[in-house]
C-alpha cells in the first residue's frame, strides 16, 4: 500500500517538474490536448452590437479551418453545438445540434458554461 502511494507521489512530482520546465506555449498545448480529450461544455455567443443574436451550447471545441491544398489557416472557425433558439442558456426540447462557422471578423465570445 505504501509502495503505491509513494509511486503516485513520485509520478506527480515528476509531472510537476516536467510542466515547470515547459514553455508557456507547450503548457497551453498540453492543456488544450487534455481539454480535447475530456471535452468542454462551451458556449459561443454571437453579438450584433451589444446584443446577443445567436448562442450555441454544448460545444466541445472550435477548430480553425485549414486550406485543402496549402494547409494554411483560413479566416473562419467551425464547430458543432446546440443552437439555443430562445437564448435561455438551456437545451430545450426541439433544439438540435448543428454545424456552425464564424468569421474571424465576427463579434463573438466563447466560454465554458458556468452551469
PDB file of N, CA and C in Angstrom:
ATOM      1  N   UNK A   1       0.827  -1.194   0.000  1.00  0.00           N
ATOM      2  CA  UNK A   1       0.000   0.000   0.000  1.00  0.00           C
ATOM      3  C   UNK A   1       0.869   1.254   0.000  1.00  0.00           C
ATOM      4  N   UNK A   2       1.925   1.259   0.840  1.00  0.00           N
ATOM      5  CA  UNK A   2       2.805   2.418   0.898  1.00  0.00           C
ATOM      6  C   UNK A   2       3.579   2.567  -0.403  1.00  0.00           C
ATOM      7  N   UNK A   3       3.884   1.453  -1.055  1.00  0.00           N
ATOM      8  CA  UNK A   3       4.616   1.489  -2.318  1.00  0.00           C
ATOM      9  C   UNK A   3       3.785   2.186  -3.396  1.00  0.00           C
ATOM     10  N   UNK A   4       2.492   1.897  -3.460  1.00  0.00           N
ATOM     11  CA  UNK A   4       1.609   2.525  -4.442  1.00  0.00           C
ATOM     12  C   UNK A   4       1.513   4.025  -4.182  1.00  0.00           C
ATOM     13  N   UNK A   5       1.348   4.408  -2.937  1.00  0.00           N
ATOM     14  CA  UNK A   5       1.257   5.815  -2.582  1.00  0.00           C
ATOM     15  C   UNK A   5       2.555   6.540  -2.924  1.00  0.00           C
ATOM     16  N   UNK A   6       3.685   5.909  -2.654  1.00  0.00           N
ATOM     17  CA  UNK A   6       4.979   6.512  -2.954  1.00  0.00           C
ATOM     18  C   UNK A   6       5.168   6.650  -4.464  1.00  0.00           C
ATOM     19  N   UNK A   7       4.731   5.649  -5.206  1.00  0.00           N
ATOM     20  CA  UNK A   7       4.842   5.701  -6.674  1.00  0.00           C
ATOM     21  C   UNK A   7       4.001   6.834  -7.239  1.00  0.00           C
ATOM     22  N   UNK A   8       2.795   6.980  -6.726  1.00  0.00           N
ATOM     23  CA  UNK A   8       1.926   8.075  -7.177  1.00  0.00           C
ATOM     24  C   UNK A   8       2.538   9.429  -6.849  1.00  0.00           C
ATOM     25  N   UNK A   9       3.096   9.556  -5.667  1.00  0.00           N
ATOM     26  CA  UNK A   9       3.710  10.804  -5.254  1.00  0.00           C
ATOM     27  C   UNK A   9       4.895  11.134  -6.151  1.00  0.00           C
ATOM     28  N   UNK A  10       5.726  10.154  -6.452  1.00  0.00           N
ATOM     29  CA  UNK A  10       6.870  10.375  -7.335  1.00  0.00           C
ATOM     30  C   UNK A  10       6.411  10.749  -8.744  1.00  0.00           C
ATOM     31  N   UNK A  11       5.380  10.093  -9.214  1.00  0.00           N
ATOM     32  CA  UNK A  11       4.853  10.391 -10.549  1.00  0.00           C
ATOM     33  C   UNK A  11       4.345  11.824 -10.614  1.00  0.00           C
ATOM     34  N   UNK A  12       3.575  12.239  -9.611  1.00  0.00           N
ATOM     35  CA  UNK A  12       3.067  13.617  -9.575  1.00  0.00           C
ATOM     36  C   UNK A  12       4.216  14.619  -9.505  1.00  0.00           C
ATOM     37  N   UNK A  13       5.224  14.308  -8.714  1.00  0.00           N
ATOM     38  CA  UNK A  13       6.388  15.189  -8.608  1.00  0.00           C
ATOM     39  C   UNK A  13       7.117  15.334  -9.935  1.00  0.00           C
ATOM     40  N   UNK A  14       7.285  14.211 -10.636  1.00  0.00           N
ATOM     41  CA  UNK A  14       7.963  14.253 -11.932  1.00  0.00           C
ATOM     42  C   UNK A  14       7.139  15.033 -12.956  1.00  0.00           C
ATOM     43  N   UNK A  15       5.821  14.866 -12.922  1.00  0.00           N
ATOM     44  CA  UNK A  15       4.964  15.621 -13.835  1.00  0.00           C
ATOM     45  C   UNK A  15       5.054  17.115 -13.551  1.00  0.00           C
ATOM     46  N   UNK A  16       5.090  17.487 -12.292  1.00  0.00           N
ATOM     47  CA  UNK A  16       5.208  18.896 -11.925  1.00  0.00           C
ATOM     48  C   UNK A  16       6.520  19.476 -12.422  1.00  0.00           C
ATOM     49  N   UNK A  17       7.598  18.728 -12.288  1.00  0.00           N
ATOM     50  CA  UNK A  17       8.910  19.195 -12.765  1.00  0.00           C
ATOM     51  C   UNK A  17       8.896  19.351 -14.280  1.00  0.00           C
ATOM     52  N   UNK A  18       8.310  18.381 -14.985  1.00  0.00           N
ATOM     53  CA  UNK A  18       8.241  18.466 -16.443  1.00  0.00           C
ATOM     54  C   UNK A  18       7.411  19.665 -16.895  1.00  0.00           C
ATOM     55  N   UNK A  19       6.291  19.896 -16.239  1.00  0.00           N
ATOM     56  CA  UNK A  19       5.442  21.019 -16.623  1.00  0.00           C
ATOM     57  C   UNK A  19       6.122  22.361 -16.372  1.00  0.00           C
ATOM     58  N   UNK A  20       6.854  22.483 -15.280  1.00  0.00           N
ATOM     59  CA  UNK A  20       7.514  23.757 -14.993  1.00  0.00           C
ATOM     60  C   UNK A  20       8.683  24.000 -15.933  1.00  0.00           C
ATOM     61  N   UNK A  21       9.231  22.937 -16.527  1.00  0.00           N
ATOM     62  CA  UNK A  21      10.329  23.123 -17.474  1.00  0.00           C
ATOM     63  C   UNK A  21       9.828  23.408 -18.885  1.00  0.00           C
ATOM     64  N   UNK A  22       8.524  23.280 -19.124  1.00  0.00           N
ATOM     65  CA  UNK A  22       7.937  23.564 -20.436  1.00  0.00           C
ATOM     66  C   UNK A  22       7.753  25.070 -20.607  1.00  0.00           C
ATOM     67  N   UNK A  23       7.784  25.515 -21.860  1.00  0.00           N
ATOM     68  CA  UNK A  23       7.457  26.911 -22.140  1.00  0.00           C
ATOM     69  C   UNK A  23       5.961  27.112 -21.944  1.00  0.00           C
ATOM     70  N   UNK A  24       5.555  28.363 -21.889  1.00  0.00           N
ATOM     71  CA  UNK A  24       4.132  28.675 -21.717  1.00  0.00           C
ATOM     72  C   UNK A  24       3.312  28.097 -22.868  1.00  0.00           C
ATOM     73  N   UNK A  25       3.830  28.185 -24.087  1.00  0.00           N
ATOM     74  CA  UNK A  25       3.102  27.653 -25.242  1.00  0.00           C
ATOM     75  C   UNK A  25       2.954  26.138 -25.141  1.00  0.00           C
ATOM     76  N   UNK A  26       3.983  25.450 -24.682  1.00  0.00           N
ATOM     77  CA  UNK A  26       3.895  23.999 -24.514  1.00  0.00           C
ATOM     78  C   UNK A  26       2.874  23.639 -23.443  1.00  0.00           C
ATOM     79  N   UNK A  27       2.853  24.411 -22.359  1.00  0.00           N
ATOM     80  CA  UNK A  27       1.873  24.171 -21.299  1.00  0.00           C
ATOM     81  C   UNK A  27       0.458  24.397 -21.824  1.00  0.00           C
ATOM     82  N   UNK A  28       0.268  25.441 -22.645  1.00  0.00           N
ATOM     83  CA  UNK A  28      -1.052  25.705 -23.226  1.00  0.00           C
ATOM     84  C   UNK A  28      -1.467  24.562 -24.138  1.00  0.00           C
ATOM     85  N   UNK A  29      -0.526  24.046 -24.934  1.00  0.00           N
ATOM     86  CA  UNK A  29      -0.835  22.936 -25.838  1.00  0.00           C
ATOM     87  C   UNK A  29      -1.241  21.694 -25.048  1.00  0.00           C
ATOM     88  N   UNK A  30      -0.530  21.405 -23.970  1.00  0.00           N
ATOM     89  CA  UNK A  30      -0.883  20.262 -23.123  1.00  0.00           C
ATOM     90  C   UNK A  30      -2.288  20.446 -22.570  1.00  0.00           C
ATOM     91  N   UNK A  31      -2.586  21.659 -22.113  1.00  0.00           N
ATOM     92  CA  UNK A  31      -3.918  21.945 -21.576  1.00  0.00           C
ATOM     93  C   UNK A  31      -4.992  21.753 -22.638  1.00  0.00           C
ATOM     94  N   UNK A  32      -4.734  22.246 -23.860  1.00  0.00           N
ATOM     95  CA  UNK A  32      -5.708  22.079 -24.953  1.00  0.00           C
ATOM     96  C   UNK A  32      -5.882  20.608 -25.300  1.00  0.00           C
ATOM     97  N   UNK A  33      -4.775  19.849 -25.306  1.00  0.00           N
ATOM     98  CA  UNK A  33      -4.863  18.421 -25.612  1.00  0.00           C
ATOM     99  C   UNK A  33      -5.716  17.691 -24.578  1.00  0.00           C
ATOM    100  N   UNK A  34      -5.543  18.052 -23.309  1.00  0.00           N
ATOM    101  CA  UNK A  34      -6.345  17.437 -22.241  1.00  0.00           C
ATOM    102  C   UNK A  34      -7.810  17.805 -22.430  1.00  0.00           C
ATOM    103  N   UNK A  35      -8.087  19.089 -22.736  1.00  0.00           N
ATOM    104  CA  UNK A  35      -9.471  19.506 -22.945  1.00  0.00           C
ATOM    105  C   UNK A  35     -10.082  18.810 -24.156  1.00  0.00           C
ATOM    106  N   UNK A  36      -9.303  18.635 -25.228  1.00  0.00           N
ATOM    107  CA  UNK A  36      -9.824  17.934 -26.407  1.00  0.00           C
ATOM    108  C   UNK A  36     -10.171  16.498 -26.063  1.00  0.00           C
ATOM    109  N   UNK A  37      -9.423  15.907 -25.158  1.00  0.00           N
ATOM    110  CA  UNK A  37      -9.665  14.523 -24.781  1.00  0.00           C
ATOM    111  C   UNK A  37     -10.858  14.415 -23.838  1.00  0.00           C
ATOM    112  N   UNK A  38     -10.931  15.331 -22.876  1.00  0.00           N
ATOM    113  CA  UNK A  38     -12.004  15.265 -21.878  1.00  0.00           C
ATOM    114  C   UNK A  38     -13.256  16.005 -22.321  1.00  0.00           C
ATOM    115  N   UNK A  39     -13.107  16.943 -23.243  1.00  0.00           N
ATOM    116  CA  UNK A  39     -14.254  17.731 -23.702  1.00  0.00           C
ATOM    117  C   UNK A  39     -14.524  18.917 -22.796  1.00  0.00           C
ATOM    118  N   UNK A  40     -15.254  19.864 -23.316  1.00  0.00           N
ATOM    119  CA  UNK A  40     -15.655  21.022 -22.531  1.00  0.00           C
ATOM    120  C   UNK A  40     -17.144  21.234 -22.750  1.00  0.00           C
ATOM    121  N   UNK A  41     -17.721  22.065 -21.946  1.00  0.00           N
ATOM    122  CA  UNK A  41     -19.126  22.414 -22.090  1.00  0.00           C
ATOM    123  C   UNK A  41     -19.164  23.882 -22.503  1.00  0.00           C
ATOM    124  N   UNK A  42     -18.697  24.154 -23.722  1.00  0.00           N
ATOM    125  CA  UNK A  42     -18.536  25.517 -24.177  1.00  0.00           C
ATOM    126  C   UNK A  42     -19.811  26.173 -24.657  1.00  0.00           C
ATOM    127  N   UNK A  43     -19.794  27.503 -24.576  1.00  0.00           N
ATOM    128  CA  UNK A  43     -20.885  28.335 -25.066  1.00  0.00           C
ATOM    129  C   UNK A  43     -20.273  29.356 -26.025  1.00  0.00           C
ATOM    130  N   UNK A  44     -20.884  29.528 -27.178  1.00  0.00           N
ATOM    131  CA  UNK A  44     -20.457  30.544 -28.134  1.00  0.00           C
ATOM    132  C   UNK A  44     -21.598  31.530 -28.306  1.00  0.00           C
ATOM    133  N   UNK A  45     -21.316  32.797 -28.039  1.00  0.00           N
ATOM    134  CA  UNK A  45     -22.310  33.846 -28.228  1.00  0.00           C
ATOM    135  C   UNK A  45     -21.868  34.744 -29.374  1.00  0.00           C
ATOM    136  N   UNK A  46     -22.791  35.035 -30.284  1.00  0.00           N
ATOM    137  CA  UNK A  46     -22.553  35.914 -31.421  1.00  0.00           C
ATOM    138  C   UNK A  46     -23.292  37.221 -31.144  1.00  0.00           C
ATOM    139  N   UNK A  47     -22.589  38.337 -31.312  1.00  0.00           N
ATOM    140  CA  UNK A  47     -23.152  39.643 -30.992  1.00  0.00           C
ATOM    141  C   UNK A  47     -23.358  40.493 -32.243  1.00  0.00           C
ATOM    142  N   UNK A  48     -24.438  41.277 -32.233  1.00  0.00           N
ATOM    143  CA  UNK A  48     -24.670  42.362 -33.185  1.00  0.00           C
ATOM    144  C   UNK A  48     -24.710  43.616 -32.327  1.00  0.00           C
ATOM    145  N   UNK A  49     -23.620  44.349 -32.333  1.00  0.00           N
ATOM    146  CA  UNK A  49     -23.504  45.474 -31.402  1.00  0.00           C
ATOM    147  C   UNK A  49     -23.348  44.920 -29.995  1.00  0.00           C
ATOM    148  N   UNK A  50     -24.231  45.324 -29.091  1.00  0.00           N
ATOM    149  CA  UNK A  50     -24.153  44.834 -27.714  1.00  0.00           C
ATOM    150  C   UNK A  50     -25.217  43.777 -27.418  1.00  0.00           C
ATOM    151  N   UNK A  51     -25.899  43.279 -28.453  1.00  0.00           N
ATOM    152  CA  UNK A  51     -26.982  42.320 -28.265  1.00  0.00           C
ATOM    153  C   UNK A  51     -26.578  40.929 -28.753  1.00  0.00           C
ATOM    154  N   UNK A  52     -26.872  39.895 -27.946  1.00  0.00           N
ATOM    155  CA  UNK A  52     -26.634  38.508 -28.352  1.00  0.00           C
ATOM    156  C   UNK A  52     -27.697  38.144 -29.388  1.00  0.00           C
ATOM    157  N   UNK A  53     -27.245  37.697 -30.578  1.00  0.00           N
ATOM    158  CA  UNK A  53     -28.199  37.335 -31.630  1.00  0.00           C
ATOM    159  C   UNK A  53     -28.223  35.830 -31.903  1.00  0.00           C
ATOM    160  N   UNK A  54     -27.159  35.102 -31.536  1.00  0.00           N
ATOM    161  CA  UNK A  54     -27.105  33.641 -31.661  1.00  0.00           C
ATOM    162  C   UNK A  54     -26.300  33.106 -30.486  1.00  0.00           C
ATOM    163  N   UNK A  55     -26.710  31.924 -30.051  1.00  0.00           N
ATOM    164  CA  UNK A  55     -25.960  31.259 -28.978  1.00  0.00           C
ATOM    165  C   UNK A  55     -25.942  29.767 -29.281  1.00  0.00           C
ATOM    166  N   UNK A  56     -24.763  29.175 -29.145  1.00  0.00           N
ATOM    167  CA  UNK A  56     -24.596  27.738 -29.316  1.00  0.00           C
ATOM    168  C   UNK A  56     -24.111  27.161 -27.994  1.00  0.00           C
ATOM    169  N   UNK A  57     -24.705  26.053 -27.565  1.00  0.00           N
ATOM    170  CA  UNK A  57     -24.384  25.411 -26.293  1.00  0.00           C
ATOM    171  C   UNK A  57     -23.734  24.048 -26.535  1.00  0.00           C
ATOM    172  N   UNK A  58     -23.119  23.503 -25.494  1.00  0.00           N
ATOM    173  CA  UNK A  58     -22.536  22.158 -25.505  1.00  0.00           C
ATOM    174  C   UNK A  58     -21.515  21.972 -26.624  1.00  0.00           C
ATOM    175  N   UNK A  59     -20.628  22.959 -26.759  1.00  0.00           N
ATOM    176  CA  UNK A  59     -19.576  22.898 -27.769  1.00  0.00           C
ATOM    177  C   UNK A  59     -18.357  22.224 -27.149  1.00  0.00           C
ATOM    178  N   UNK A  60     -17.841  21.197 -27.821  1.00  0.00           N
ATOM    179  CA  UNK A  60     -16.621  20.539 -27.353  1.00  0.00           C
ATOM    180  C   UNK A  60     -15.402  21.372 -27.709  1.00  0.00           C
ATOM    181  N   UNK A  61     -15.342  21.818 -28.951  1.00  0.00           N
ATOM    182  CA  UNK A  61     -14.213  22.659 -29.367  1.00  0.00           C
ATOM    183  C   UNK A  61     -14.579  23.406 -30.628  1.00  0.00           C
ATOM    184  N   UNK A  62     -13.866  24.491 -30.859  1.00  0.00           N
ATOM    185  CA  UNK A  62     -13.976  25.265 -32.090  1.00  0.00           C
ATOM    186  C   UNK A  62     -12.650  25.095 -32.817  1.00  0.00           C
ATOM    187  N   UNK A  63     -12.700  24.728 -34.075  1.00  0.00           N
ATOM    188  CA  UNK A  63     -11.486  24.465 -34.847  1.00  0.00           C
ATOM    189  C   UNK A  63     -11.256  25.552 -35.884  1.00  0.00           C
ATOM    190  N   UNK A  64      -9.996  25.745 -36.236  1.00  0.00           N
ATOM    191  CA  UNK A  64      -9.629  26.670 -37.298  1.00  0.00           C
ATOM    192  C   UNK A  64      -9.624  25.910 -38.613  1.00  0.00           C
ATOM    193  N   UNK A  65     -10.282  26.467 -39.616  1.00  0.00           N
ATOM    194  CA  UNK A  65     -10.313  25.832 -40.931  1.00  0.00           C
ATOM    195  C   UNK A  65      -8.941  25.946 -41.587  1.00  0.00           C
ATOM    196  N   UNK A  66      -8.517  24.884 -42.253  1.00  0.00           N
ATOM    197  CA  UNK A  66      -7.249  24.869 -42.975  1.00  0.00           C
ATOM    198  C   UNK A  66      -7.513  24.619 -44.448  1.00  0.00           C
ATOM    199  N   UNK A  67      -6.695  25.250 -45.294  1.00  0.00           N
ATOM    200  CA  UNK A  67      -6.828  25.063 -46.729  1.00  0.00           C
ATOM    201  C   UNK A  67      -6.542  23.625 -47.135  1.00  0.00           C
ATOM    202  N   UNK A  68      -7.268  23.130 -48.109  1.00  0.00           N
ATOM    203  CA  UNK A  68      -7.101  21.747 -48.563  1.00  0.00           C
ATOM    204  C   UNK A  68      -5.742  21.535 -49.211  1.00  0.00           C
ATOM    205  N   UNK A  69      -5.343  22.459 -50.078  1.00  0.00           N
ATOM    206  CA  UNK A  69      -4.092  22.283 -50.824  1.00  0.00           C
ATOM    207  C   UNK A  69      -2.868  22.835 -50.100  1.00  0.00           C
ATOM    208  N   UNK A  70      -3.015  24.000 -49.468  1.00  0.00           N
ATOM    209  CA  UNK A  70      -1.842  24.631 -48.861  1.00  0.00           C
ATOM    210  C   UNK A  70      -1.733  24.422 -47.349  1.00  0.00           C
ATOM    211  N   UNK A  71      -2.789  23.965 -46.699  1.00  0.00           N
ATOM    212  CA  UNK A  71      -2.757  23.705 -45.263  1.00  0.00           C
ATOM    213  C   UNK A  71      -2.688  24.958 -44.404  1.00  0.00           C
ATOM    214  N   UNK A  72      -2.861  26.125 -45.011  1.00  0.00           N
ATOM    215  CA  UNK A  72      -2.784  27.382 -44.261  1.00  0.00           C
ATOM    216  C   UNK A  72      -4.123  27.679 -43.588  1.00  0.00           C
ATOM    217  N   UNK A  73      -4.064  28.337 -42.423  1.00  0.00           N
ATOM    218  CA  UNK A  73      -5.304  28.676 -41.713  1.00  0.00           C
ATOM    219  C   UNK A  73      -6.193  29.604 -42.535  1.00  0.00           C
ATOM    220  N   UNK A  74      -7.477  29.365 -42.504  1.00  0.00           N
ATOM    221  CA  UNK A  74      -8.454  30.205 -43.178  1.00  0.00           C
ATOM    222  C   UNK A  74      -9.043  31.203 -42.182  1.00  0.00           C
ATOM    223  N   UNK A  75      -9.779  32.167 -42.696  1.00  0.00           N
ATOM    224  CA  UNK A  75     -10.285  33.267 -41.863  1.00  0.00           C
ATOM    225  C   UNK A  75     -11.626  32.937 -41.218  1.00  0.00           C
ATOM    226  N   UNK A  76     -11.808  31.671 -40.845  1.00  0.00           N
ATOM    227  CA  UNK A  76     -13.025  31.332 -40.120  1.00  0.00           C
ATOM    228  C   UNK A  76     -12.785  30.139 -39.205  1.00  0.00           C
ATOM    229  N   UNK A  77     -13.674  29.981 -38.233  1.00  0.00           N
ATOM    230  CA  UNK A  77     -13.648  28.871 -37.281  1.00  0.00           C
ATOM    231  C   UNK A  77     -14.937  28.075 -37.473  1.00  0.00           C
ATOM    232  N   UNK A  78     -14.911  26.818 -37.044  1.00  0.00           N
ATOM    233  CA  UNK A  78     -16.110  25.997 -37.177  1.00  0.00           C
ATOM    234  C   UNK A  78     -16.221  25.038 -36.003  1.00  0.00           C
ATOM    235  N   UNK A  79     -17.414  24.510 -35.825  1.00  0.00           N
ATOM    236  CA  UNK A  79     -17.643  23.549 -34.754  1.00  0.00           C
ATOM    237  C   UNK A  79     -19.075  23.058 -34.787  1.00  0.00           C
ATOM    238  N   UNK A  80     -19.430  22.330 -33.748  1.00  0.00           N
ATOM    239  CA  UNK A  80     -20.787  21.801 -33.585  1.00  0.00           C
ATOM    240  C   UNK A  80     -21.295  22.192 -32.211  1.00  0.00           C
ATOM    241  N   UNK A  81     -22.556  22.592 -32.144  1.00  0.00           N
ATOM    242  CA  UNK A  81     -23.165  22.939 -30.873  1.00  0.00           C
ATOM    243  C   UNK A  81     -24.675  22.968 -31.018  1.00  0.00           C
ATOM    244  N   UNK A  82     -25.349  22.996 -29.897  1.00  0.00           N
ATOM    245  CA  UNK A  82     -26.808  23.069 -29.892  1.00  0.00           C
ATOM    246  C   UNK A  82     -27.209  24.538 -30.036  1.00  0.00           C
ATOM    247  N   UNK A  83     -27.996  24.831 -31.066  1.00  0.00           N
ATOM    248  CA  UNK A  83     -28.479  26.197 -31.274  1.00  0.00           C
ATOM    249  C   UNK A  83     -29.528  26.525 -30.211  1.00  0.00           C
ATOM    250  N   UNK A  84     -29.216  27.503 -29.367  1.00  0.00           N
ATOM    251  CA  UNK A  84     -30.126  27.939 -28.306  1.00  0.00           C
ATOM    252  C   UNK A  84     -31.081  28.973 -28.916  1.00  0.00           C
ATOM    253  N   UNK A  85     -32.152  28.490 -29.506  1.00  0.00           N
ATOM    254  CA  UNK A  85     -33.043  29.344 -30.291  1.00  0.00           C
ATOM    255  C   UNK A  85     -33.694  30.454 -29.465  1.00  0.00           C
ATOM    256  N   UNK A  86     -34.040  30.170 -28.217  1.00  0.00           N
ATOM    257  CA  UNK A  86     -34.699  31.189 -27.391  1.00  0.00           C
ATOM    258  C   UNK A  86     -33.728  31.903 -26.441  1.00  0.00           C
ATOM    259  N   UNK A  87     -32.437  31.642 -26.588  1.00  0.00           N
ATOM    260  CA  UNK A  87     -31.378  32.327 -25.824  1.00  0.00           C
ATOM    261  C   UNK A  87     -31.569  32.245 -24.310  1.00  0.00           C
ATOM    262  N   UNK A  88     -32.000  31.076 -23.810  1.00  0.00           N
ATOM    263  CA  UNK A  88     -32.214  30.937 -22.369  1.00  0.00           C
ATOM    264  C   UNK A  88     -31.105  30.127 -21.669  1.00  0.00           C
ATOM    265  N   UNK A  89     -30.017  29.846 -22.373  1.00  0.00           N
ATOM    266  CA  UNK A  89     -28.857  29.118 -21.826  1.00  0.00           C
ATOM    267  C   UNK A  89     -29.192  27.683 -21.430  1.00  0.00           C
ATOM    268  N   UNK A  90     -30.255  27.108 -21.997  1.00  0.00           N
ATOM    269  CA  UNK A  90     -30.632  25.730 -21.730  1.00  0.00           C
ATOM    270  C   UNK A  90     -30.947  25.033 -23.045  1.00  0.00           C
ATOM    271  N   UNK A  91     -30.659  23.732 -23.085  1.00  0.00           N
ATOM    272  CA  UNK A  91     -31.054  22.941 -24.240  1.00  0.00           C
ATOM    273  C   UNK A  91     -32.498  22.505 -24.018  1.00  0.00           C
ATOM    274  N   UNK A  92     -33.395  23.075 -24.793  1.00  0.00           N
ATOM    275  CA  UNK A  92     -34.822  22.784 -24.684  1.00  0.00           C
ATOM    276  C   UNK A  92     -35.216  21.715 -25.703  1.00  0.00           C
ATOM    277  N   UNK A  93     -36.360  21.058 -25.485  1.00  0.00           N
ATOM    278  CA  UNK A  93     -36.847  20.092 -26.476  1.00  0.00           C
ATOM    279  C   UNK A  93     -36.977  20.762 -27.850  1.00  0.00           C
ATOM    280  N   UNK A  94     -36.503  20.085 -28.857  1.00  0.00           N
ATOM    281  CA  UNK A  94     -36.568  20.618 -30.213  1.00  0.00           C
ATOM    282  C   UNK A  94     -35.320  21.363 -30.647  1.00  0.00           C
ATOM    283  N   UNK A  95     -34.487  21.792 -29.711  1.00  0.00           N
ATOM    284  CA  UNK A  95     -33.236  22.461 -30.078  1.00  0.00           C
ATOM    285  C   UNK A  95     -32.201  21.383 -30.397  1.00  0.00           C
ATOM    286  N   UNK A  96     -31.628  21.467 -31.576  1.00  0.00           N
ATOM    287  CA  UNK A  96     -30.758  20.404 -32.069  1.00  0.00           C
ATOM    288  C   UNK A  96     -29.321  20.853 -32.241  1.00  0.00           C
ATOM    289  N   UNK A  97     -28.431  19.865 -32.268  1.00  0.00           N
ATOM    290  CA  UNK A  97     -27.021  20.111 -32.513  1.00  0.00           C
ATOM    291  C   UNK A  97     -26.834  20.445 -33.991  1.00  0.00           C
ATOM    292  N   UNK A  98     -26.108  21.520 -34.269  1.00  0.00           N
ATOM    293  CA  UNK A  98     -25.903  21.980 -35.635  1.00  0.00           C
ATOM    294  C   UNK A  98     -24.425  22.295 -35.869  1.00  0.00           C
ATOM    295  N   UNK A  99     -24.053  22.323 -37.127  1.00  0.00           N
ATOM    296  CA  UNK A  99     -22.727  22.759 -37.552  1.00  0.00           C
ATOM    297  C   UNK A  99     -22.772  24.274 -37.704  1.00  0.00           C
ATOM    298  N   UNK A 100     -21.684  24.969 -37.300  1.00  0.00           N
ATOM    299  CA  UNK A 100     -21.641  26.414 -37.484  1.00  0.00           C
ATOM    300  C   UNK A 100     -20.257  26.838 -37.947  1.00  0.00           C
ATOM    301  N   UNK A 101     -20.202  27.976 -38.596  1.00  0.00           N
ATOM    302  CA  UNK A 101     -18.957  28.622 -38.989  1.00  0.00           C
ATOM    303  C   UNK A 101     -19.058  30.080 -38.591  1.00  0.00           C
ATOM    304  N   UNK A 102     -17.935  30.627 -38.090  1.00  0.00           N
ATOM    305  CA  UNK A 102     -17.896  32.054 -37.778  1.00  0.00           C
ATOM    306  C   UNK A 102     -16.623  32.639 -38.366  1.00  0.00           C
ATOM    307  N   UNK A 103     -16.733  33.833 -38.893  1.00  0.00           N
ATOM    308  CA  UNK A 103     -15.606  34.542 -39.484  1.00  0.00           C
ATOM    309  C   UNK A 103     -14.687  35.063 -38.385  1.00  0.00           C
ATOM    310  N   UNK A 104     -13.442  35.302 -38.747  1.00  0.00           N
ATOM    311  CA  UNK A 104     -12.516  35.951 -37.805  1.00  0.00           C
ATOM    312  C   UNK A 104     -13.001  37.347 -37.425  1.00  0.00           C
ATOM    313  N   UNK A 105     -13.865  37.909 -38.230  1.00  0.00           N
ATOM    314  CA  UNK A 105     -14.328  39.273 -38.015  1.00  0.00           C
ATOM    315  C   UNK A 105     -15.672  39.328 -37.289  1.00  0.00           C
ATOM    316  N   UNK A 106     -16.161  38.185 -36.850  1.00  0.00           N
ATOM    317  CA  UNK A 106     -17.424  38.115 -36.115  1.00  0.00           C
ATOM    318  C   UNK A 106     -17.203  38.526 -34.665  1.00  0.00           C
ATOM    319  N   UNK A 107     -18.113  39.324 -34.132  1.00  0.00           N
ATOM    320  CA  UNK A 107     -18.058  39.667 -32.705  1.00  0.00           C
ATOM    321  C   UNK A 107     -18.629  38.491 -31.932  1.00  0.00           C
ATOM    322  N   UNK A 108     -17.745  37.717 -31.323  1.00  0.00           N
ATOM    323  CA  UNK A 108     -18.174  36.503 -30.632  1.00  0.00           C
ATOM    324  C   UNK A 108     -17.353  36.289 -29.367  1.00  0.00           C
ATOM    325  N   UNK A 109     -17.971  35.592 -28.422  1.00  0.00           N
ATOM    326  CA  UNK A 109     -17.300  35.212 -27.174  1.00  0.00           C
ATOM    327  C   UNK A 109     -17.521  33.718 -26.973  1.00  0.00           C
ATOM    328  N   UNK A 110     -16.435  32.998 -26.680  1.00  0.00           N
ATOM    329  CA  UNK A 110     -16.510  31.566 -26.380  1.00  0.00           C
ATOM    330  C   UNK A 110     -16.069  31.371 -24.942  1.00  0.00           C
ATOM    331  N   UNK A 111     -16.871  30.646 -24.153  1.00  0.00           N
ATOM    332  CA  UNK A 111     -16.536  30.439 -22.748  1.00  0.00           C
ATOM    333  C   UNK A 111     -17.105  29.119 -22.273  1.00  0.00           C
ATOM    334  N   UNK A 112     -16.581  28.635 -21.169  1.00  0.00           N
ATOM    335  CA  UNK A 112     -17.104  27.397 -20.564  1.00  0.00           C
ATOM    336  C   UNK A 112     -18.403  27.723 -19.843  1.00  0.00           C
ATOM    337  N   UNK A 113     -19.401  26.867 -20.055  1.00  0.00           N
ATOM    338  CA  UNK A 113     -20.708  27.094 -19.443  1.00  0.00           C
ATOM    339  C   UNK A 113     -20.587  27.012 -17.917  1.00  0.00           C
ATOM    340  N   UNK A 114     -20.991  28.052 -17.203  1.00  0.00           N
ATOM    341  CA  UNK A 114     -20.883  28.048 -15.743  1.00  0.00           C
ATOM    342  C   UNK A 114     -21.925  27.184 -15.053  1.00  0.00           C
ATOM    343  N   UNK A 115     -22.909  26.671 -15.786  1.00  0.00           N
ATOM    344  CA  UNK A 115     -23.975  25.863 -15.184  1.00  0.00           C
ATOM    345  C   UNK A 115     -23.674  24.403 -15.306  1.00  0.00           C
TER     346      UNK A 115
END
